[in-house]
N, C-alpha and C. Protein backbone atom coordinates (compact mmCIF):
# COMPACT_ATOMS: atom_id res chain seq x y z
N MET A 1 24.30 -1.96 -17.78
CA MET A 1 22.90 -1.95 -18.11
C MET A 1 22.34 -0.57 -17.80
N SER A 2 21.61 0.01 -18.72
CA SER A 2 21.05 1.33 -18.51
C SER A 2 19.80 1.24 -17.65
N LYS A 3 19.55 2.31 -16.91
CA LYS A 3 18.37 2.38 -16.06
C LYS A 3 17.26 3.09 -16.80
N LYS A 4 16.05 2.56 -16.68
CA LYS A 4 14.88 3.18 -17.27
C LYS A 4 14.21 4.04 -16.21
N LYS A 5 13.80 5.22 -16.58
CA LYS A 5 13.05 6.07 -15.67
C LYS A 5 11.57 5.99 -16.01
N HIS A 6 10.76 5.99 -14.98
CA HIS A 6 9.31 5.97 -15.14
C HIS A 6 8.76 7.17 -14.38
N GLN A 7 7.90 7.91 -15.01
CA GLN A 7 7.33 9.12 -14.41
C GLN A 7 5.85 8.88 -14.10
N TYR A 8 5.41 9.33 -12.94
CA TYR A 8 4.02 9.18 -12.53
C TYR A 8 3.48 10.55 -12.17
N THR A 9 2.34 10.92 -12.74
CA THR A 9 1.76 12.23 -12.50
C THR A 9 0.40 12.06 -11.85
N ILE A 10 0.24 12.67 -10.70
CA ILE A 10 -1.00 12.62 -9.93
C ILE A 10 -1.42 14.05 -9.64
N THR A 11 -2.72 14.32 -9.74
CA THR A 11 -3.27 15.61 -9.33
C THR A 11 -3.99 15.39 -8.01
N THR A 12 -3.64 16.17 -7.01
CA THR A 12 -4.32 16.15 -5.72
C THR A 12 -5.04 17.47 -5.57
N LYS A 13 -6.37 17.40 -5.43
CA LYS A 13 -7.19 18.60 -5.40
C LYS A 13 -7.93 18.68 -4.07
N TRP A 14 -7.66 19.69 -3.27
CA TRP A 14 -8.34 19.89 -2.00
C TRP A 14 -9.77 20.35 -2.27
N THR A 15 -10.74 19.69 -1.67
CA THR A 15 -12.16 20.03 -1.85
C THR A 15 -12.80 20.42 -0.52
N GLY A 16 -11.99 20.72 0.47
CA GLY A 16 -12.50 20.93 1.82
C GLY A 16 -12.69 22.35 2.28
N ASN A 17 -12.74 23.32 1.36
CA ASN A 17 -13.00 24.70 1.77
C ASN A 17 -14.48 24.81 2.14
N LEU A 18 -14.77 25.00 3.41
CA LEU A 18 -16.15 25.08 3.89
C LEU A 18 -16.68 26.51 3.91
N GLY A 19 -15.95 27.41 3.28
CA GLY A 19 -16.39 28.80 3.18
C GLY A 19 -15.41 29.80 3.74
N ASN A 20 -14.56 29.37 4.65
CA ASN A 20 -13.58 30.27 5.27
C ASN A 20 -12.14 29.81 5.04
N GLY A 21 -11.93 28.89 4.11
CA GLY A 21 -10.58 28.39 3.86
C GLY A 21 -10.00 27.77 5.12
N THR A 22 -8.73 28.03 5.34
CA THR A 22 -8.04 27.47 6.52
C THR A 22 -7.90 28.52 7.61
N LYS A 23 -8.97 29.26 7.84
CA LYS A 23 -8.96 30.34 8.84
C LYS A 23 -8.47 29.84 10.20
N ASP A 24 -8.89 28.65 10.60
CA ASP A 24 -8.36 28.03 11.81
C ASP A 24 -8.41 26.51 11.64
N TYR A 25 -7.87 25.78 12.58
CA TYR A 25 -7.70 24.34 12.47
C TYR A 25 -9.02 23.59 12.26
N LYS A 26 -10.10 24.11 12.83
CA LYS A 26 -11.39 23.44 12.75
C LYS A 26 -12.29 23.96 11.64
N SER A 27 -11.83 24.94 10.88
CA SER A 27 -12.71 25.60 9.90
C SER A 27 -12.73 24.95 8.52
N TYR A 28 -11.97 23.90 8.31
CA TYR A 28 -11.90 23.30 6.98
C TYR A 28 -11.95 21.78 7.05
N SER A 29 -12.40 21.20 5.97
CA SER A 29 -12.43 19.76 5.81
C SER A 29 -11.11 19.30 5.21
N ARG A 30 -10.72 18.09 5.54
CA ARG A 30 -9.48 17.51 5.00
C ARG A 30 -9.75 16.76 3.69
N ASN A 31 -10.97 16.83 3.18
CA ASN A 31 -11.33 16.07 1.98
C ASN A 31 -10.59 16.56 0.74
N HIS A 32 -10.24 15.60 -0.10
CA HIS A 32 -9.54 15.90 -1.34
C HIS A 32 -9.80 14.79 -2.35
N GLU A 33 -9.40 15.03 -3.57
CA GLU A 33 -9.52 14.06 -4.66
C GLU A 33 -8.12 13.76 -5.19
N ILE A 34 -7.90 12.50 -5.50
CA ILE A 34 -6.64 12.07 -6.11
C ILE A 34 -6.99 11.64 -7.53
N ILE A 35 -6.36 12.27 -8.49
CA ILE A 35 -6.76 12.09 -9.89
C ILE A 35 -5.54 11.73 -10.74
N ALA A 36 -5.71 10.74 -11.61
CA ALA A 36 -4.70 10.40 -12.61
C ALA A 36 -5.44 10.25 -13.94
N ALA A 37 -4.86 10.75 -14.97
CA ALA A 37 -5.51 10.72 -16.29
C ALA A 37 -5.97 9.33 -16.66
N GLY A 38 -7.24 9.23 -17.05
CA GLY A 38 -7.79 7.97 -17.52
C GLY A 38 -8.13 6.96 -16.45
N LYS A 39 -8.10 7.36 -15.17
CA LYS A 39 -8.36 6.43 -14.07
C LYS A 39 -9.46 6.98 -13.17
N PRO A 40 -10.15 6.09 -12.44
CA PRO A 40 -11.16 6.59 -11.51
C PRO A 40 -10.54 7.45 -10.42
N MET A 41 -11.30 8.44 -9.98
CA MET A 41 -10.85 9.32 -8.91
C MET A 41 -10.90 8.57 -7.57
N ILE A 42 -9.95 8.88 -6.70
CA ILE A 42 -9.95 8.34 -5.34
C ILE A 42 -10.34 9.48 -4.41
N LEU A 43 -11.32 9.21 -3.55
CA LEU A 43 -11.73 10.21 -2.57
C LEU A 43 -10.87 10.05 -1.33
N GLY A 44 -10.14 11.12 -0.98
CA GLY A 44 -9.23 11.07 0.14
C GLY A 44 -9.61 12.04 1.24
N SER A 45 -9.03 11.83 2.39
CA SER A 45 -9.18 12.71 3.54
C SER A 45 -7.99 12.41 4.45
N SER A 46 -8.02 12.94 5.65
CA SER A 46 -7.00 12.55 6.62
C SER A 46 -7.60 11.48 7.53
N ASP A 47 -6.77 10.85 8.31
CA ASP A 47 -7.21 9.89 9.29
C ASP A 47 -8.18 10.58 10.24
N PRO A 48 -9.22 9.89 10.71
CA PRO A 48 -10.15 10.52 11.64
C PRO A 48 -9.47 11.12 12.88
N SER A 49 -8.33 10.58 13.27
CA SER A 49 -7.58 11.14 14.40
C SER A 49 -7.12 12.57 14.13
N PHE A 50 -7.08 12.93 12.85
CA PHE A 50 -6.62 14.26 12.45
C PHE A 50 -7.74 15.02 11.75
N ARG A 51 -8.96 14.81 12.22
CA ARG A 51 -10.16 15.50 11.75
C ARG A 51 -10.58 15.11 10.34
N GLY A 52 -10.26 13.88 9.95
CA GLY A 52 -10.60 13.41 8.61
C GLY A 52 -11.90 12.64 8.56
N ASP A 53 -12.33 12.36 7.35
CA ASP A 53 -13.56 11.63 7.06
C ASP A 53 -13.23 10.14 7.01
N ALA A 54 -13.77 9.37 7.94
CA ALA A 54 -13.47 7.94 8.03
C ALA A 54 -13.96 7.15 6.83
N SER A 55 -14.87 7.70 6.03
CA SER A 55 -15.39 6.98 4.87
C SER A 55 -14.50 7.12 3.64
N ARG A 56 -13.44 7.93 3.76
CA ARG A 56 -12.52 8.14 2.64
C ARG A 56 -11.15 7.55 2.98
N TYR A 57 -10.40 7.23 1.92
CA TYR A 57 -9.03 6.75 2.13
C TYR A 57 -8.16 7.89 2.62
N ASN A 58 -7.27 7.57 3.56
CA ASN A 58 -6.30 8.57 4.02
C ASN A 58 -4.92 8.19 3.48
N PRO A 59 -3.96 9.10 3.53
CA PRO A 59 -2.64 8.80 2.97
C PRO A 59 -2.00 7.54 3.57
N GLU A 60 -2.25 7.30 4.84
CA GLU A 60 -1.67 6.12 5.48
C GLU A 60 -2.28 4.83 4.92
N ASP A 61 -3.60 4.83 4.70
CA ASP A 61 -4.25 3.67 4.06
C ASP A 61 -3.62 3.40 2.70
N LEU A 62 -3.48 4.45 1.91
CA LEU A 62 -2.97 4.31 0.55
C LEU A 62 -1.51 3.87 0.55
N PHE A 63 -0.74 4.37 1.50
CA PHE A 63 0.67 4.00 1.60
C PHE A 63 0.81 2.50 1.90
N VAL A 64 0.07 2.02 2.90
CA VAL A 64 0.13 0.61 3.27
C VAL A 64 -0.37 -0.26 2.11
N SER A 65 -1.45 0.17 1.45
CA SER A 65 -1.98 -0.62 0.34
C SER A 65 -1.01 -0.66 -0.84
N THR A 66 -0.24 0.40 -1.01
CA THR A 66 0.75 0.44 -2.09
C THR A 66 1.84 -0.60 -1.86
N ILE A 67 2.30 -0.72 -0.64
CA ILE A 67 3.31 -1.73 -0.32
C ILE A 67 2.74 -3.12 -0.57
N ALA A 68 1.52 -3.36 -0.11
CA ALA A 68 0.90 -4.68 -0.26
C ALA A 68 0.66 -5.04 -1.72
N SER A 69 0.17 -4.09 -2.50
CA SER A 69 -0.13 -4.42 -3.90
C SER A 69 1.14 -4.61 -4.72
N CYS A 70 2.19 -3.84 -4.44
CA CYS A 70 3.45 -4.03 -5.16
C CYS A 70 4.02 -5.42 -4.88
N HIS A 71 4.00 -5.82 -3.61
CA HIS A 71 4.49 -7.15 -3.24
C HIS A 71 3.67 -8.23 -3.94
N MET A 72 2.34 -8.09 -3.91
CA MET A 72 1.47 -9.07 -4.53
C MET A 72 1.76 -9.21 -6.02
N LEU A 73 1.91 -8.09 -6.72
CA LEU A 73 2.13 -8.15 -8.16
C LEU A 73 3.45 -8.84 -8.49
N TRP A 74 4.50 -8.55 -7.71
CA TRP A 74 5.77 -9.25 -7.94
C TRP A 74 5.63 -10.74 -7.61
N TYR A 75 4.92 -11.06 -6.53
CA TYR A 75 4.74 -12.45 -6.13
C TYR A 75 3.99 -13.23 -7.22
N LEU A 76 2.92 -12.66 -7.74
CA LEU A 76 2.16 -13.34 -8.81
C LEU A 76 3.04 -13.58 -10.04
N HIS A 77 3.86 -12.58 -10.37
CA HIS A 77 4.78 -12.74 -11.50
C HIS A 77 5.75 -13.89 -11.25
N LEU A 78 6.35 -13.90 -10.06
CA LEU A 78 7.33 -14.94 -9.75
C LEU A 78 6.68 -16.33 -9.72
N CYS A 79 5.46 -16.42 -9.25
CA CYS A 79 4.76 -17.70 -9.28
C CYS A 79 4.53 -18.14 -10.71
N SER A 80 4.12 -17.22 -11.56
CA SER A 80 3.84 -17.59 -12.95
C SER A 80 5.09 -18.10 -13.66
N VAL A 81 6.23 -17.48 -13.43
CA VAL A 81 7.45 -17.93 -14.11
C VAL A 81 8.07 -19.16 -13.45
N ASN A 82 7.57 -19.53 -12.28
CA ASN A 82 8.03 -20.75 -11.60
C ASN A 82 6.97 -21.86 -11.64
N ASP A 83 6.04 -21.74 -12.58
CA ASP A 83 5.01 -22.75 -12.79
C ASP A 83 4.19 -23.07 -11.54
N ILE A 84 3.87 -22.04 -10.79
CA ILE A 84 2.95 -22.17 -9.65
C ILE A 84 1.67 -21.45 -10.04
N THR A 85 0.56 -22.17 -9.96
CA THR A 85 -0.73 -21.60 -10.31
C THR A 85 -1.40 -21.06 -9.05
N VAL A 86 -1.47 -19.74 -8.96
CA VAL A 86 -2.14 -19.10 -7.83
C VAL A 86 -3.63 -19.05 -8.15
N ILE A 87 -4.43 -19.60 -7.24
CA ILE A 87 -5.88 -19.62 -7.38
C ILE A 87 -6.50 -18.40 -6.71
N SER A 88 -5.96 -18.03 -5.56
CA SER A 88 -6.45 -16.84 -4.86
C SER A 88 -5.32 -16.24 -4.02
N TYR A 89 -5.44 -14.94 -3.79
CA TYR A 89 -4.45 -14.19 -3.02
C TYR A 89 -5.20 -13.10 -2.28
N GLU A 90 -5.08 -13.07 -0.97
CA GLU A 90 -5.67 -12.01 -0.16
C GLU A 90 -4.71 -11.65 0.95
N ASP A 91 -4.49 -10.36 1.15
CA ASP A 91 -3.52 -9.90 2.13
C ASP A 91 -4.17 -8.88 3.05
N LYS A 92 -4.13 -9.15 4.33
CA LYS A 92 -4.63 -8.20 5.34
C LYS A 92 -3.41 -7.55 5.98
N THR A 93 -2.88 -6.55 5.31
CA THR A 93 -1.64 -5.89 5.69
C THR A 93 -1.87 -4.94 6.86
N GLU A 94 -0.89 -4.87 7.75
CA GLU A 94 -0.94 -3.95 8.88
C GLU A 94 0.29 -3.05 8.86
N GLY A 95 0.07 -1.76 9.00
CA GLY A 95 1.15 -0.80 9.10
C GLY A 95 1.08 -0.10 10.44
N THR A 96 2.24 0.14 11.04
CA THR A 96 2.29 0.83 12.32
C THR A 96 3.03 2.15 12.15
N MET A 97 2.34 3.23 12.48
CA MET A 97 2.92 4.56 12.41
C MET A 97 3.04 5.11 13.82
N ILE A 98 4.13 5.77 14.11
CA ILE A 98 4.37 6.39 15.41
C ILE A 98 4.25 7.89 15.24
N GLU A 99 3.41 8.50 16.05
CA GLU A 99 3.25 9.96 16.03
C GLU A 99 4.09 10.56 17.15
N ALA A 100 4.91 11.53 16.80
CA ALA A 100 5.76 12.21 17.78
C ALA A 100 4.96 13.28 18.53
N ALA A 101 5.51 13.72 19.63
CA ALA A 101 4.85 14.74 20.46
C ALA A 101 4.58 16.02 19.69
N ASN A 102 5.42 16.35 18.72
CA ASN A 102 5.24 17.59 17.95
C ASN A 102 4.24 17.45 16.80
N GLY A 103 3.64 16.25 16.64
CA GLY A 103 2.66 16.03 15.59
C GLY A 103 3.21 15.36 14.35
N SER A 104 4.53 15.32 14.20
CA SER A 104 5.11 14.62 13.05
C SER A 104 5.03 13.12 13.31
N GLY A 105 5.41 12.34 12.35
CA GLY A 105 5.36 10.90 12.56
C GLY A 105 6.03 10.16 11.44
N GLN A 106 6.14 8.86 11.63
CA GLN A 106 6.71 8.02 10.59
C GLN A 106 6.27 6.58 10.83
N PHE A 107 6.26 5.80 9.75
CA PHE A 107 5.96 4.39 9.89
C PHE A 107 7.17 3.70 10.48
N GLU A 108 6.91 2.75 11.38
CA GLU A 108 8.02 1.97 11.93
C GLU A 108 8.05 0.56 11.35
N SER A 109 6.92 0.11 10.79
CA SER A 109 6.91 -1.20 10.15
C SER A 109 5.61 -1.40 9.38
N VAL A 110 5.68 -2.33 8.44
CA VAL A 110 4.50 -2.83 7.74
C VAL A 110 4.68 -4.34 7.68
N THR A 111 3.60 -5.06 8.02
CA THR A 111 3.64 -6.52 7.95
C THR A 111 2.54 -6.99 7.01
N LEU A 112 2.96 -7.79 6.03
CA LEU A 112 2.05 -8.40 5.08
C LEU A 112 1.61 -9.75 5.65
N TYR A 113 0.33 -10.04 5.54
CA TYR A 113 -0.21 -11.33 5.97
C TYR A 113 -0.99 -11.97 4.81
N PRO A 114 -0.31 -12.29 3.72
CA PRO A 114 -1.03 -12.85 2.58
C PRO A 114 -1.43 -14.31 2.82
N THR A 115 -2.63 -14.62 2.36
CA THR A 115 -3.11 -16.00 2.33
C THR A 115 -3.31 -16.35 0.86
N ILE A 116 -2.56 -17.35 0.42
CA ILE A 116 -2.53 -17.71 -1.00
C ILE A 116 -2.95 -19.16 -1.14
N THR A 117 -3.80 -19.41 -2.11
CA THR A 117 -4.16 -20.78 -2.47
C THR A 117 -3.51 -21.09 -3.81
N ILE A 118 -2.79 -22.22 -3.86
CA ILE A 118 -2.13 -22.63 -5.10
C ILE A 118 -2.66 -24.00 -5.54
N ALA A 119 -2.44 -24.32 -6.80
CA ALA A 119 -2.94 -25.58 -7.36
C ALA A 119 -1.99 -26.76 -7.18
N GLU A 120 -0.71 -26.48 -6.98
CA GLU A 120 0.30 -27.54 -6.95
C GLU A 120 0.75 -27.80 -5.50
N LYS A 121 0.29 -28.92 -4.92
CA LYS A 121 0.61 -29.25 -3.53
C LYS A 121 2.12 -29.42 -3.33
N ASP A 122 2.82 -29.94 -4.34
CA ASP A 122 4.25 -30.19 -4.21
C ASP A 122 5.11 -28.92 -4.30
N LYS A 123 4.49 -27.75 -4.49
CA LYS A 123 5.26 -26.51 -4.63
C LYS A 123 4.99 -25.52 -3.48
N ILE A 124 4.48 -26.02 -2.38
CA ILE A 124 4.17 -25.13 -1.25
C ILE A 124 5.44 -24.45 -0.73
N GLU A 125 6.51 -25.21 -0.55
CA GLU A 125 7.77 -24.62 -0.04
C GLU A 125 8.31 -23.55 -0.99
N LEU A 126 8.28 -23.83 -2.28
CA LEU A 126 8.72 -22.85 -3.26
C LEU A 126 7.83 -21.61 -3.21
N ALA A 127 6.53 -21.84 -3.09
CA ALA A 127 5.59 -20.71 -3.02
C ALA A 127 5.89 -19.82 -1.81
N ILE A 128 6.25 -20.42 -0.69
CA ILE A 128 6.61 -19.64 0.49
C ILE A 128 7.89 -18.85 0.22
N SER A 129 8.88 -19.49 -0.36
CA SER A 129 10.18 -18.83 -0.59
C SER A 129 10.08 -17.67 -1.58
N LEU A 130 9.12 -17.72 -2.48
CA LEU A 130 9.01 -16.65 -3.47
C LEU A 130 8.60 -15.31 -2.85
N HIS A 131 8.10 -15.33 -1.63
CA HIS A 131 7.81 -14.07 -0.95
C HIS A 131 9.09 -13.28 -0.69
N GLN A 132 10.16 -13.97 -0.35
CA GLN A 132 11.44 -13.30 -0.15
C GLN A 132 11.94 -12.69 -1.45
N GLU A 133 11.77 -13.42 -2.53
CA GLU A 133 12.17 -12.90 -3.84
C GLU A 133 11.32 -11.69 -4.23
N ALA A 134 10.02 -11.78 -4.00
CA ALA A 134 9.13 -10.66 -4.33
C ALA A 134 9.55 -9.41 -3.56
N HIS A 135 9.93 -9.62 -2.31
CA HIS A 135 10.36 -8.48 -1.48
C HIS A 135 11.60 -7.82 -2.06
N LYS A 136 12.51 -8.59 -2.60
CA LYS A 136 13.74 -8.04 -3.20
C LYS A 136 13.44 -7.18 -4.42
N PHE A 137 12.37 -7.53 -5.15
CA PHE A 137 12.03 -6.82 -6.38
C PHE A 137 11.05 -5.66 -6.18
N CYS A 138 10.32 -5.66 -5.09
CA CYS A 138 9.24 -4.69 -4.89
C CYS A 138 9.78 -3.25 -4.89
N PHE A 139 9.32 -2.48 -5.86
CA PHE A 139 9.77 -1.09 -6.00
C PHE A 139 9.49 -0.27 -4.74
N ILE A 140 8.34 -0.49 -4.16
CA ILE A 140 7.92 0.32 -3.01
C ILE A 140 8.68 -0.10 -1.75
N ALA A 141 8.76 -1.40 -1.49
CA ALA A 141 9.50 -1.87 -0.31
C ALA A 141 10.97 -1.43 -0.38
N ASN A 142 11.51 -1.36 -1.59
CA ASN A 142 12.89 -0.91 -1.75
C ASN A 142 13.05 0.60 -1.56
N SER A 143 11.94 1.30 -1.41
CA SER A 143 11.98 2.77 -1.30
C SER A 143 11.67 3.28 0.10
N VAL A 144 11.40 2.39 1.04
CA VAL A 144 11.06 2.83 2.39
C VAL A 144 12.22 2.58 3.36
N ASN A 145 12.19 3.30 4.48
CA ASN A 145 13.30 3.20 5.44
C ASN A 145 12.91 2.47 6.72
N PHE A 146 12.01 1.51 6.61
CA PHE A 146 11.59 0.72 7.76
C PHE A 146 11.37 -0.71 7.28
N PRO A 147 11.30 -1.67 8.22
CA PRO A 147 11.12 -3.06 7.80
C PRO A 147 9.74 -3.32 7.21
N VAL A 148 9.73 -4.09 6.13
CA VAL A 148 8.49 -4.63 5.55
C VAL A 148 8.60 -6.14 5.74
N LEU A 149 7.76 -6.66 6.61
CA LEU A 149 7.79 -8.07 6.96
C LEU A 149 6.70 -8.83 6.22
N CYS A 150 6.87 -10.13 6.10
CA CYS A 150 5.87 -10.94 5.40
C CYS A 150 5.68 -12.25 6.13
N GLU A 151 4.43 -12.53 6.49
CA GLU A 151 4.07 -13.78 7.15
C GLU A 151 3.00 -14.48 6.32
N PRO A 152 3.44 -15.21 5.28
CA PRO A 152 2.47 -15.81 4.36
C PRO A 152 1.86 -17.11 4.89
N THR A 153 0.67 -17.38 4.42
CA THR A 153 0.00 -18.67 4.61
C THR A 153 -0.31 -19.19 3.21
N ILE A 154 0.20 -20.40 2.94
CA ILE A 154 -0.04 -21.03 1.64
C ILE A 154 -0.99 -22.20 1.84
N LYS A 155 -2.03 -22.23 1.02
CA LYS A 155 -3.01 -23.32 1.08
C LYS A 155 -3.02 -24.03 -0.27
N PHE A 156 -3.45 -25.29 -0.22
CA PHE A 156 -3.59 -26.10 -1.43
C PHE A 156 -5.05 -26.35 -1.66
């Protein structure tokens, strides 16, 4: 079976020059724009711990949300092909990043906590098991080097 390649192009534009560029660590804003053709712009910054704007998304927020949304989309697909009617889906995902003494860092885990309401009471066990299947298919979870855990709650 041949593999299909998919290309994604994003423009990241730094908007944080406050007049002196990056003259020193405190002289510039971390604000930036994330742009993709035909889509709304995302206002980004760094985490407030790294002198960022708390009202904007930071790369860590976007990274964790990417894992959660990829899992959700696969899960919804698997439910649809298994005749499970999802009424609602909400996930309060948590990611844990460890910062090293030298300032570098990496994520050590992400845990999904989806709460799903389904229409078929007799398919609750199947609905729970489909999270494992979604994890196997998730493009993003398959691309990271740390555990992505899932603790679902299924309601009828």
